[in-house]
């Protein structure tokens, strides 16, 4: 989770430190709101990665969609926050594939953090 947070923070940061203070899109065109949603989502994206679910026996494969559904049903998070979590596995599994730039950056950040962990 810490690696994911650091990776997303780094990859989504504007080359100009003042850019996101004024809500000017960064080099990838994501807004300050999208970046903040991605940072927050990085801290919660794997809440169902290990555990049990009444809905499926495939918790590891479905943890992205289960977490997004649970958080969406039980809390009032911004849609961007939920979409980042839902799409963080991307093409690795059968869940939602990243559609927006912020979701793609989120997916790549998770992929980088996972690759570092496996070394």
Protein backbone atom coordinates (compact mmCIF):
# COMPACT_ATOMS: atom_id res chain seq x y z
CA UNK A 1 0.00 0.00 0.00
CA UNK A 2 2.82 2.42 0.83
CA UNK A 3 4.61 1.60 -2.43
CA UNK A 4 1.37 2.08 -4.34
CA UNK A 5 0.77 5.45 -2.69
CA UNK A 6 4.34 6.59 -3.43
CA UNK A 7 4.20 5.36 -7.02
CA UNK A 8 0.89 7.13 -7.73
CA UNK A 9 2.07 10.29 -6.00
CA UNK A 10 5.22 10.33 -8.11
CA UNK A 11 3.68 9.37 -11.45
CA UNK A 12 0.76 11.80 -11.13
CA UNK A 13 2.76 14.78 -9.92
CA UNK A 14 3.01 17.82 -12.07
CA UNK A 15 6.48 18.86 -13.20
CA UNK A 16 5.60 22.33 -11.93
CA UNK A 17 4.96 22.30 -8.20
CA UNK A 18 2.46 25.17 -8.48
CA UNK A 19 0.34 23.60 -11.22
CA UNK A 20 -1.97 21.50 -9.06
CA UNK A 21 -2.32 24.22 -6.42
CA UNK A 22 -4.34 26.14 -9.00
CA UNK A 23 -6.19 23.05 -10.26
CA UNK A 24 -4.34 23.31 -13.57
CA UNK A 25 -4.08 19.86 -15.14
CA UNK A 26 -0.66 18.27 -14.78
CA UNK A 27 1.38 16.72 -17.56
CA UNK A 28 -1.21 13.92 -17.91
CA UNK A 29 -4.22 16.22 -17.83
CA UNK A 30 -5.61 15.02 -14.49
CA UNK A 31 -7.02 17.59 -12.12
CA UNK A 32 -6.12 18.20 -8.50
CA UNK A 33 -9.39 16.46 -7.52
CA UNK A 34 -8.55 13.37 -9.60
CA UNK A 35 -5.06 13.23 -8.12
CA UNK A 36 -6.40 13.52 -4.57
CA UNK A 37 -8.95 10.77 -5.28
CA UNK A 38 -6.15 8.56 -6.62
CA UNK A 39 -3.99 9.20 -3.57
CA UNK A 40 -6.85 8.37 -1.20
CA UNK A 41 -7.84 5.32 -3.22
CA UNK A 42 -4.27 4.02 -3.13
CA UNK A 43 -4.60 3.69 0.65
CA UNK A 44 -7.77 1.57 0.41
CA UNK A 45 -7.57 -0.22 -2.94
CA UNK A 46 -6.62 -3.64 -1.51
CA UNK A 47 -9.01 -3.81 1.46
CA UNK A 48 -10.57 -7.02 0.13
CA UNK A 49 -7.46 -8.58 -1.41
CA UNK A 50 -7.15 -11.18 1.32
CA UNK A 51 -10.22 -12.47 3.10
CA UNK A 52 -13.60 -13.97 2.46
CA UNK A 53 -16.71 -12.87 0.67
CA UNK A 54 -20.25 -14.19 0.56
CA UNK A 55 -20.40 -13.21 -3.11
CA UNK A 56 -17.42 -15.13 -4.50
CA UNK A 57 -14.76 -17.69 -3.78
CA UNK A 58 -12.32 -15.74 -5.94
CA UNK A 59 -11.52 -12.93 -3.54
CA UNK A 60 -8.00 -12.36 -4.84
CA UNK A 61 -9.18 -12.05 -8.46
CA UNK A 62 -12.31 -10.03 -7.62
CA UNK A 63 -11.03 -7.84 -4.81
CA UNK A 64 -11.02 -4.73 -7.00
CA UNK A 65 -14.71 -4.94 -7.91
CA UNK A 66 -15.72 -6.14 -4.42
CA UNK A 67 -13.95 -3.20 -2.77
CA UNK A 68 -15.40 -0.68 -5.22
CA UNK A 69 -18.92 -2.07 -4.75
CA UNK A 70 -18.64 -2.16 -0.96
CA UNK A 71 -17.23 1.36 -0.68
CA UNK A 72 -19.77 2.74 -3.14
CA UNK A 73 -22.71 1.08 -1.34
CA UNK A 74 -21.66 2.03 2.18
CA UNK A 75 -19.93 5.40 1.91
CA UNK A 76 -20.16 8.62 -0.05
CA UNK A 77 -16.85 8.71 -1.89
CA UNK A 78 -16.34 10.61 -5.15
CA UNK A 79 -16.90 8.59 -8.31
CA UNK A 80 -13.26 9.02 -9.35
CA UNK A 81 -12.13 7.39 -6.08
CA UNK A 82 -14.41 4.40 -6.70
CA UNK A 83 -13.43 4.09 -10.36
CA UNK A 84 -9.70 4.01 -9.52
CA UNK A 85 -10.26 1.16 -7.09
CA UNK A 86 -12.55 -0.70 -9.48
CA UNK A 87 -10.08 -0.50 -12.36
CA UNK A 88 -6.81 -0.99 -10.49
CA UNK A 89 -6.34 -4.60 -11.65
CA UNK A 90 -6.97 -3.56 -15.23
CA UNK A 91 -6.19 -6.26 -17.79
CA UNK A 92 -4.73 -8.57 -15.12
CA UNK A 93 -8.20 -9.82 -14.16
CA UNK A 94 -11.81 -9.73 -15.38
CA UNK A 95 -12.77 -6.47 -13.71
CA UNK A 96 -13.09 -3.00 -15.17
CA UNK A 97 -10.28 -1.90 -17.45
CA UNK A 98 -8.94 1.63 -16.96
CA UNK A 99 -10.79 4.09 -19.16
CA UNK A 100 -9.65 7.49 -17.91
CA UNK A 101 -6.06 8.70 -17.62
CA UNK A 102 -6.28 8.81 -13.80
CA UNK A 103 -7.44 5.17 -13.76
CA UNK A 104 -4.60 4.16 -16.08
CA UNK A 105 -2.01 5.95 -13.91
CA UNK A 106 -3.55 4.24 -10.88
CA UNK A 107 -3.31 0.83 -12.56
CA UNK A 108 0.31 1.43 -13.62
CA UNK A 109 1.19 2.57 -10.10
CA UNK A 110 -0.26 -0.64 -8.67
CA UNK A 111 1.57 -2.67 -11.29
CA UNK A 112 4.88 -0.96 -10.45
CA UNK A 113 4.35 -1.45 -6.72
CA UNK A 114 3.55 -5.13 -7.27
CA UNK A 115 6.63 -5.65 -9.45
CA UNK A 116 8.86 -4.09 -6.80
CA UNK A 117 7.31 -6.36 -4.17
CA UNK A 118 7.86 -9.53 -6.18
CA UNK A 119 11.61 -8.93 -6.68
